[in-house]
């Protein structure tokens, strides 16, 4: 038994954002009948997750396995496990967790069952760098990303699609440096990965100039 989500991927290696057919059907059913269900406390969610792990022959003492089998306590996929969510609708997970991160960073200490469930979901997502990159990209696109989150966004195009913005920008070999220079010269369509990377390049270039704003300031 494996705690890892079965991520679906595009040809570039990036995570597929489009929901799976199963997720589409569940979301449609929820929209037709959005009856709110009951949210359970973390102790019960964990107890049920441990039971699922044990029933499947897994190690119920493994924290990651228990997290993976924990059930969502909110939204259109209520009752589905964290592992199922990341395997079937990365975009929804990224949306939920991007908002949740901002709320916690803003000082929201609410310990409701739902907020606690989202805390646990974020811990599970944190096991996978590609998922955290998707959350970071969501926040950057919404104008709420930190410089560190911009660093994590995957390039998503070209020969270095699977590299992060930071790793590609800071690369010292000729091929990667040449690619960055090429990107800077291109015209890009709004909303594309190329445009996002160009903004990142401009911010990093600006930080290198004398009298520039200190690193950590978020340029958009």
C-alpha atoms as a PDB file:
ATOM      1  CA  UNK A   1       0.000   0.000   0.000  1.00  0.00           C
ATOM      2  CA  UNK A   2       1.438   3.329  -1.086  1.00  0.00           C
ATOM      3  CA  UNK A   3       0.630   6.770   0.286  1.00  0.00           C
ATOM      4  CA  UNK A   4       1.627   8.512  -2.948  1.00  0.00           C
ATOM      5  CA  UNK A   5      -1.063  10.117  -5.082  1.00  0.00           C
ATOM      6  CA  UNK A   6      -1.404   8.783  -8.620  1.00  0.00           C
ATOM      7  CA  UNK A   7      -0.711  12.114 -10.270  1.00  0.00           C
ATOM      8  CA  UNK A   8      -1.815  12.485 -13.875  1.00  0.00           C
ATOM      9  CA  UNK A   9       0.676  14.359 -16.046  1.00  0.00           C
ATOM     10  CA  UNK A  10       0.882  16.288 -19.273  1.00  0.00           C
ATOM     11  CA  UNK A  11       3.498  15.601 -21.951  1.00  0.00           C
ATOM     12  CA  UNK A  12       5.631  18.363 -20.389  1.00  0.00           C
ATOM     13  CA  UNK A  13       5.753  16.464 -17.107  1.00  0.00           C
ATOM     14  CA  UNK A  14       3.524  18.990 -15.361  1.00  0.00           C
ATOM     15  CA  UNK A  15       0.514  17.831 -13.401  1.00  0.00           C
ATOM     16  CA  UNK A  16      -2.749  17.576 -15.306  1.00  0.00           C
ATOM     17  CA  UNK A  17      -5.112  20.229 -13.951  1.00  0.00           C
ATOM     18  CA  UNK A  18      -8.220  18.969 -15.735  1.00  0.00           C
ATOM     19  CA  UNK A  19     -10.334  16.829 -13.378  1.00  0.00           C
ATOM     20  CA  UNK A  20     -10.729  13.137 -14.077  1.00  0.00           C
ATOM     21  CA  UNK A  21     -14.074  11.846 -15.462  1.00  0.00           C
ATOM     22  CA  UNK A  22     -14.924  10.521 -11.998  1.00  0.00           C
ATOM     23  CA  UNK A  23     -14.246  13.923 -10.449  1.00  0.00           C
ATOM     24  CA  UNK A  24     -16.314  15.679 -13.135  1.00  0.00           C
ATOM     25  CA  UNK A  25     -19.271  13.402 -12.388  1.00  0.00           C
ATOM     26  CA  UNK A  26     -19.026  13.955  -8.636  1.00  0.00           C
ATOM     27  CA  UNK A  27     -18.771  17.729  -9.034  1.00  0.00           C
ATOM     28  CA  UNK A  28     -21.812  17.756 -11.343  1.00  0.00           C
ATOM     29  CA  UNK A  29     -23.832  15.721  -8.851  1.00  0.00           C
ATOM     30  CA  UNK A  30     -22.822  18.086  -6.057  1.00  0.00           C
ATOM     31  CA  UNK A  31     -23.912  21.125  -8.061  1.00  0.00           C
ATOM     32  CA  UNK A  32     -27.332  19.558  -8.615  1.00  0.00           C
ATOM     33  CA  UNK A  33     -27.755  18.742  -4.944  1.00  0.00           C
ATOM     34  CA  UNK A  34     -25.276  20.695  -2.802  1.00  0.00           C
ATOM     35  CA  UNK A  35     -26.547  19.304   0.486  1.00  0.00           C
ATOM     36  CA  UNK A  36     -24.020  20.137   3.194  1.00  0.00           C
ATOM     37  CA  UNK A  37     -22.779  17.066   5.006  1.00  0.00           C
ATOM     38  CA  UNK A  38     -21.531  16.808   8.535  1.00  0.00           C
ATOM     39  CA  UNK A  39     -17.886  17.573   9.219  1.00  0.00           C
ATOM     40  CA  UNK A  40     -16.157  15.323  11.707  1.00  0.00           C
ATOM     41  CA  UNK A  41     -13.357  16.170  14.154  1.00  0.00           C
ATOM     42  CA  UNK A  42      -9.765  15.277  13.337  1.00  0.00           C
ATOM     43  CA  UNK A  43      -9.723  12.397  15.829  1.00  0.00           C
ATOM     44  CA  UNK A  44     -12.592  10.642  14.071  1.00  0.00           C
ATOM     45  CA  UNK A  45     -11.152  11.346  10.606  1.00  0.00           C
ATOM     46  CA  UNK A  46      -7.856   9.799  11.726  1.00  0.00           C
ATOM     47  CA  UNK A  47      -9.590   6.814  13.320  1.00  0.00           C
ATOM     48  CA  UNK A  48     -11.461   6.067  10.099  1.00  0.00           C
ATOM     49  CA  UNK A  49      -8.288   6.538   8.035  1.00  0.00           C
ATOM     50  CA  UNK A  50      -6.410   4.071  10.250  1.00  0.00           C
ATOM     51  CA  UNK A  51      -9.225   1.569   9.746  1.00  0.00           C
ATOM     52  CA  UNK A  52      -9.010   1.963   5.958  1.00  0.00           C
ATOM     53  CA  UNK A  53      -5.256   1.463   5.997  1.00  0.00           C
ATOM     54  CA  UNK A  54      -5.559  -1.648   8.169  1.00  0.00           C
ATOM     55  CA  UNK A  55      -8.348  -3.074   5.996  1.00  0.00           C
ATOM     56  CA  UNK A  56      -6.122  -2.705   2.932  1.00  0.00           C
ATOM     57  CA  UNK A  57      -3.233  -4.481   4.650  1.00  0.00           C
ATOM     58  CA  UNK A  58      -1.176  -1.335   5.135  1.00  0.00           C
ATOM     59  CA  UNK A  59       0.910  -0.180   8.082  1.00  0.00           C
ATOM     60  CA  UNK A  60      -1.501   1.822  10.220  1.00  0.00           C
ATOM     61  CA  UNK A  61       1.427   3.295  12.171  1.00  0.00           C
ATOM     62  CA  UNK A  62       2.685   5.052   9.016  1.00  0.00           C
ATOM     63  CA  UNK A  63       1.753   8.723   9.299  1.00  0.00           C
ATOM     64  CA  UNK A  64       1.868   9.272   5.536  1.00  0.00           C
ATOM     65  CA  UNK A  65      -0.454   6.347   4.835  1.00  0.00           C
ATOM     66  CA  UNK A  66      -2.954   7.550   7.399  1.00  0.00           C
ATOM     67  CA  UNK A  67      -2.885  11.046   5.911  1.00  0.00           C
ATOM     68  CA  UNK A  68      -3.411   9.642   2.416  1.00  0.00           C
ATOM     69  CA  UNK A  69      -6.533   7.780   3.547  1.00  0.00           C
ATOM     70  CA  UNK A  70      -7.986  10.717   5.510  1.00  0.00           C
ATOM     71  CA  UNK A  71     -11.341  11.886   4.186  1.00  0.00           C
ATOM     72  CA  UNK A  72     -12.229  15.382   3.037  1.00  0.00           C
ATOM     73  CA  UNK A  73     -14.701  17.133   5.344  1.00  0.00           C
ATOM     74  CA  UNK A  74     -15.786  19.873   2.954  1.00  0.00           C
ATOM     75  CA  UNK A  75     -16.770  20.720  -0.582  1.00  0.00           C
ATOM     76  CA  UNK A  76     -17.811  18.824  -3.650  1.00  0.00           C
ATOM     77  CA  UNK A  77     -15.616  15.816  -2.911  1.00  0.00           C
ATOM     78  CA  UNK A  78     -16.550  15.426   0.751  1.00  0.00           C
ATOM     79  CA  UNK A  79     -15.876  11.889   1.906  1.00  0.00           C
ATOM     80  CA  UNK A  80     -13.194  11.187  -0.680  1.00  0.00           C
ATOM     81  CA  UNK A  81      -9.654  10.640   0.567  1.00  0.00           C
ATOM     82  CA  UNK A  82      -6.764  13.073   0.265  1.00  0.00           C
ATOM     83  CA  UNK A  83      -5.000  10.600  -2.014  1.00  0.00           C
ATOM     84  CA  UNK A  84      -8.062  10.410  -4.252  1.00  0.00           C
ATOM     85  CA  UNK A  85      -8.255  14.201  -4.501  1.00  0.00           C
ATOM     86  CA  UNK A  86      -4.651  14.671  -5.588  1.00  0.00           C
ATOM     87  CA  UNK A  87      -5.041  11.804  -8.038  1.00  0.00           C
ATOM     88  CA  UNK A  88      -8.242  13.160  -9.594  1.00  0.00           C
ATOM     89  CA  UNK A  89      -8.430  16.962  -9.329  1.00  0.00           C
ATOM     90  CA  UNK A  90      -5.154  18.767  -8.718  1.00  0.00           C
ATOM     91  CA  UNK A  91      -6.640  22.103  -9.773  1.00  0.00           C
ATOM     92  CA  UNK A  92      -9.353  21.985  -7.088  1.00  0.00           C
ATOM     93  CA  UNK A  93      -6.816  20.941  -4.467  1.00  0.00           C
ATOM     94  CA  UNK A  94      -4.462  23.760  -5.468  1.00  0.00           C
ATOM     95  CA  UNK A  95      -7.302  26.293  -5.341  1.00  0.00           C
ATOM     96  CA  UNK A  96      -8.426  25.198  -1.876  1.00  0.00           C
ATOM     97  CA  UNK A  97      -4.925  25.062  -0.449  1.00  0.00           C
ATOM     98  CA  UNK A  98      -3.764  28.340  -1.982  1.00  0.00           C
ATOM     99  CA  UNK A  99      -6.611  30.107  -0.189  1.00  0.00           C
ATOM    100  CA  UNK A 100      -5.987  28.148   3.006  1.00  0.00           C
ATOM    101  CA  UNK A 101      -2.298  29.056   3.026  1.00  0.00           C
ATOM    102  CA  UNK A 102      -3.128  32.746   2.670  1.00  0.00           C
ATOM    103  CA  UNK A 103      -5.644  32.566   5.498  1.00  0.00           C
ATOM    104  CA  UNK A 104      -3.181  30.922   7.847  1.00  0.00           C
ATOM    105  CA  UNK A 105      -0.398  33.333   6.862  1.00  0.00           C
ATOM    106  CA  UNK A 106      -2.753  36.245   7.560  1.00  0.00           C
ATOM    107  CA  UNK A 107      -3.134  35.024  11.127  1.00  0.00           C
ATOM    108  CA  UNK A 108      -6.344  33.002  10.941  1.00  0.00           C
ATOM    109  CA  UNK A 109      -6.113  30.564  13.852  1.00  0.00           C
ATOM    110  CA  UNK A 110      -9.600  29.107  13.441  1.00  0.00           C
ATOM    111  CA  UNK A 111      -9.574  25.496  14.599  1.00  0.00           C
ATOM    112  CA  UNK A 112     -12.911  24.393  13.168  1.00  0.00           C
ATOM    113  CA  UNK A 113     -13.212  20.840  11.893  1.00  0.00           C
ATOM    114  CA  UNK A 114     -13.007  22.076   8.296  1.00  0.00           C
ATOM    115  CA  UNK A 115      -9.949  24.269   8.861  1.00  0.00           C
ATOM    116  CA  UNK A 116      -8.238  21.424  10.686  1.00  0.00           C
ATOM    117  CA  UNK A 117      -9.051  19.127   7.785  1.00  0.00           C
ATOM    118  CA  UNK A 118      -7.490  21.605   5.368  1.00  0.00           C
ATOM    119  CA  UNK A 119      -4.400  21.806   7.588  1.00  0.00           C
ATOM    120  CA  UNK A 120      -4.090  18.023   7.291  1.00  0.00           C
ATOM    121  CA  UNK A 121      -4.648  18.149   3.526  1.00  0.00           C
ATOM    122  CA  UNK A 122      -1.859  20.729   3.235  1.00  0.00           C
ATOM    123  CA  UNK A 123       0.458  18.443   5.200  1.00  0.00           C
ATOM    124  CA  UNK A 124      -0.346  15.626   2.791  1.00  0.00           C
ATOM    125  CA  UNK A 125       0.186  17.868  -0.243  1.00  0.00           C
ATOM    126  CA  UNK A 126       3.507  18.895   1.292  1.00  0.00           C
ATOM    127  CA  UNK A 127       4.783  15.351   0.779  1.00  0.00           C
ATOM    128  CA  UNK A 128       4.913  16.038  -2.966  1.00  0.00           C
ATOM    129  CA  UNK A 129       7.062  18.874  -4.375  1.00  0.00           C
ATOM    130  CA  UNK A 130       5.097  18.841  -7.647  1.00  0.00           C
ATOM    131  CA  UNK A 131       1.877  19.494  -5.745  1.00  0.00           C
ATOM    132  CA  UNK A 132       3.431  22.334  -3.782  1.00  0.00           C
ATOM    133  CA  UNK A 133       4.661  23.768  -7.091  1.00  0.00           C
ATOM    134  CA  UNK A 134       1.063  23.715  -8.362  1.00  0.00           C
ATOM    135  CA  UNK A 135      -0.132  25.539  -5.233  1.00  0.00           C
ATOM    136  CA  UNK A 136       2.671  28.075  -5.592  1.00  0.00           C
ATOM    137  CA  UNK A 137       1.775  28.699  -9.224  1.00  0.00           C
ATOM    138  CA  UNK A 138      -1.845  29.229  -8.279  1.00  0.00           C
ATOM    139  CA  UNK A 139      -0.857  31.849  -5.724  1.00  0.00           C
ATOM    140  CA  UNK A 140       1.550  33.563  -8.094  1.00  0.00           C
ATOM    141  CA  UNK A 141      -1.113  33.781 -10.799  1.00  0.00           C
ATOM    142  CA  UNK A 142      -3.567  35.240  -8.293  1.00  0.00           C
ATOM    143  CA  UNK A 143      -1.015  37.860  -7.246  1.00  0.00           C
ATOM    144  CA  UNK A 144      -0.534  36.439  -3.749  1.00  0.00           C
ATOM    145  CA  UNK A 145       2.638  34.431  -4.228  1.00  0.00           C
ATOM    146  CA  UNK A 146       5.799  35.023  -2.239  1.00  0.00           C
ATOM    147  CA  UNK A 147       9.195  35.144  -3.968  1.00  0.00           C
ATOM    148  CA  UNK A 148       9.921  31.697  -2.534  1.00  0.00           C
ATOM    149  CA  UNK A 149       6.753  30.376  -4.140  1.00  0.00           C
ATOM    150  CA  UNK A 150       7.660  31.954  -7.461  1.00  0.00           C
ATOM    151  CA  UNK A 151      10.939  30.049  -7.216  1.00  0.00           C
ATOM    152  CA  UNK A 152       9.032  26.748  -7.056  1.00  0.00           C
ATOM    153  CA  UNK A 153       6.865  27.222 -10.146  1.00  0.00           C
ATOM    154  CA  UNK A 154       7.713  24.785 -12.927  1.00  0.00           C
ATOM    155  CA  UNK A 155       8.713  26.191 -16.312  1.00  0.00           C
ATOM    156  CA  UNK A 156       6.197  24.051 -18.161  1.00  0.00           C
ATOM    157  CA  UNK A 157       7.456  24.550 -21.718  1.00  0.00           C
ATOM    158  CA  UNK A 158      10.510  23.904 -23.855  1.00  0.00           C
ATOM    159  CA  UNK A 159      13.418  21.568 -23.195  1.00  0.00           C
ATOM    160  CA  UNK A 160      13.525  22.445 -19.497  1.00  0.00           C
ATOM    161  CA  UNK A 161       9.802  22.186 -18.759  1.00  0.00           C
ATOM    162  CA  UNK A 162      10.277  20.119 -15.611  1.00  0.00           C
ATOM    163  CA  UNK A 163      12.710  22.561 -13.977  1.00  0.00           C
ATOM    164  CA  UNK A 164      11.655  25.202 -11.468  1.00  0.00           C
ATOM    165  CA  UNK A 165      11.925  28.889 -12.330  1.00  0.00           C
ATOM    166  CA  UNK A 166      14.697  29.274  -9.751  1.00  0.00           C
ATOM    167  CA  UNK A 167      16.768  26.313 -10.897  1.00  0.00           C
ATOM    168  CA  UNK A 168      16.583  27.337 -14.544  1.00  0.00           C
ATOM    169  CA  UNK A 169      17.287  31.019 -13.893  1.00  0.00           C
ATOM    170  CA  UNK A 170      20.297  30.217 -11.722  1.00  0.00           C
ATOM    171  CA  UNK A 171      21.725  27.523 -14.017  1.00  0.00           C
ATOM    172  CA  UNK A 172      25.251  28.226 -15.221  1.00  0.00           C
ATOM    173  CA  UNK A 173      25.606  25.893 -18.193  1.00  0.00           C
ATOM    174  CA  UNK A 174      25.427  27.316 -21.692  1.00  0.00           C
ATOM    175  CA  UNK A 175      22.239  25.537 -22.794  1.00  0.00           C
ATOM    176  CA  UNK A 176      20.141  26.697 -19.864  1.00  0.00           C
ATOM    177  CA  UNK A 177      21.552  30.214 -19.840  1.00  0.00           C
ATOM    178  CA  UNK A 178      20.845  30.402 -23.556  1.00  0.00           C
ATOM    179  CA  UNK A 179      17.274  29.278 -23.015  1.00  0.00           C
ATOM    180  CA  UNK A 180      16.689  32.004 -20.419  1.00  0.00           C
ATOM    181  CA  UNK A 181      18.077  34.621 -22.815  1.00  0.00           C
ATOM    182  CA  UNK A 182      15.831  33.265 -25.567  1.00  0.00           C
ATOM    183  CA  UNK A 183      12.749  33.496 -23.331  1.00  0.00           C
ATOM    184  CA  UNK A 184      13.537  37.136 -22.532  1.00  0.00           C
ATOM    185  CA  UNK A 185      13.406  37.998 -26.242  1.00  0.00           C
ATOM    186  CA  UNK A 186      10.079  36.331 -26.978  1.00  0.00           C
ATOM    187  CA  UNK A 187       6.617  37.837 -27.245  1.00  0.00           C
ATOM    188  CA  UNK A 188       4.257  35.915 -24.996  1.00  0.00           C
ATOM    189  CA  UNK A 189       0.509  35.625 -24.691  1.00  0.00           C
ATOM    190  CA  UNK A 190      -1.087  36.808 -21.437  1.00  0.00           C
ATOM    191  CA  UNK A 191      -1.612  34.052 -18.928  1.00  0.00           C
ATOM    192  CA  UNK A 192       0.902  31.642 -20.433  1.00  0.00           C
ATOM    193  CA  UNK A 193       3.764  29.979 -18.622  1.00  0.00           C
ATOM    194  CA  UNK A 194       6.181  31.918 -20.792  1.00  0.00           C
ATOM    195  CA  UNK A 195       4.716  35.231 -19.645  1.00  0.00           C
ATOM    196  CA  UNK A 196       4.900  34.072 -16.027  1.00  0.00           C
ATOM    197  CA  UNK A 197       8.539  33.075 -16.421  1.00  0.00           C
ATOM    198  CA  UNK A 198       9.362  36.372 -18.141  1.00  0.00           C
ATOM    199  CA  UNK A 199       7.955  38.260 -15.147  1.00  0.00           C
ATOM    200  CA  UNK A 200      10.072  36.110 -12.863  1.00  0.00           C
ATOM    201  CA  UNK A 201      13.190  36.795 -14.944  1.00  0.00           C
ATOM    202  CA  UNK A 202      12.538  40.547 -14.839  1.00  0.00           C
ATOM    203  CA  UNK A 203      12.157  40.462 -11.064  1.00  0.00           C
ATOM    204  CA  UNK A 204      15.343  38.488 -10.579  1.00  0.00           C
ATOM    205  CA  UNK A 205      17.245  40.692 -13.028  1.00  0.00           C
ATOM    206  CA  UNK A 206      16.011  43.807 -11.212  1.00  0.00           C
ATOM    207  CA  UNK A 207      17.289  42.453  -7.893  1.00  0.00           C
ATOM    208  CA  UNK A 208      20.779  42.337  -9.382  1.00  0.00           C
ATOM    209  CA  UNK A 209      20.798  46.039 -10.249  1.00  0.00           C
ATOM    210  CA  UNK A 210      22.481  48.586  -7.931  1.00  0.00           C
ATOM    211  CA  UNK A 211      19.935  50.219  -5.672  1.00  0.00           C
ATOM    212  CA  UNK A 212      17.302  47.592  -6.420  1.00  0.00           C
ATOM    213  CA  UNK A 213      14.598  46.607  -3.957  1.00  0.00           C
ATOM    214  CA  UNK A 214      15.782  44.001  -1.458  1.00  0.00           C
ATOM    215  CA  UNK A 215      15.158  40.333  -2.253  1.00  0.00           C
ATOM    216  CA  UNK A 216      11.778  39.247  -0.935  1.00  0.00           C
ATOM    217  CA  UNK A 217       9.745  42.054  -2.440  1.00  0.00           C
ATOM    218  CA  UNK A 218       7.059  40.620  -4.713  1.00  0.00           C
ATOM    219  CA  UNK A 219       6.969  42.162  -8.176  1.00  0.00           C
ATOM    220  CA  UNK A 220       3.963  41.484 -10.388  1.00  0.00           C
END
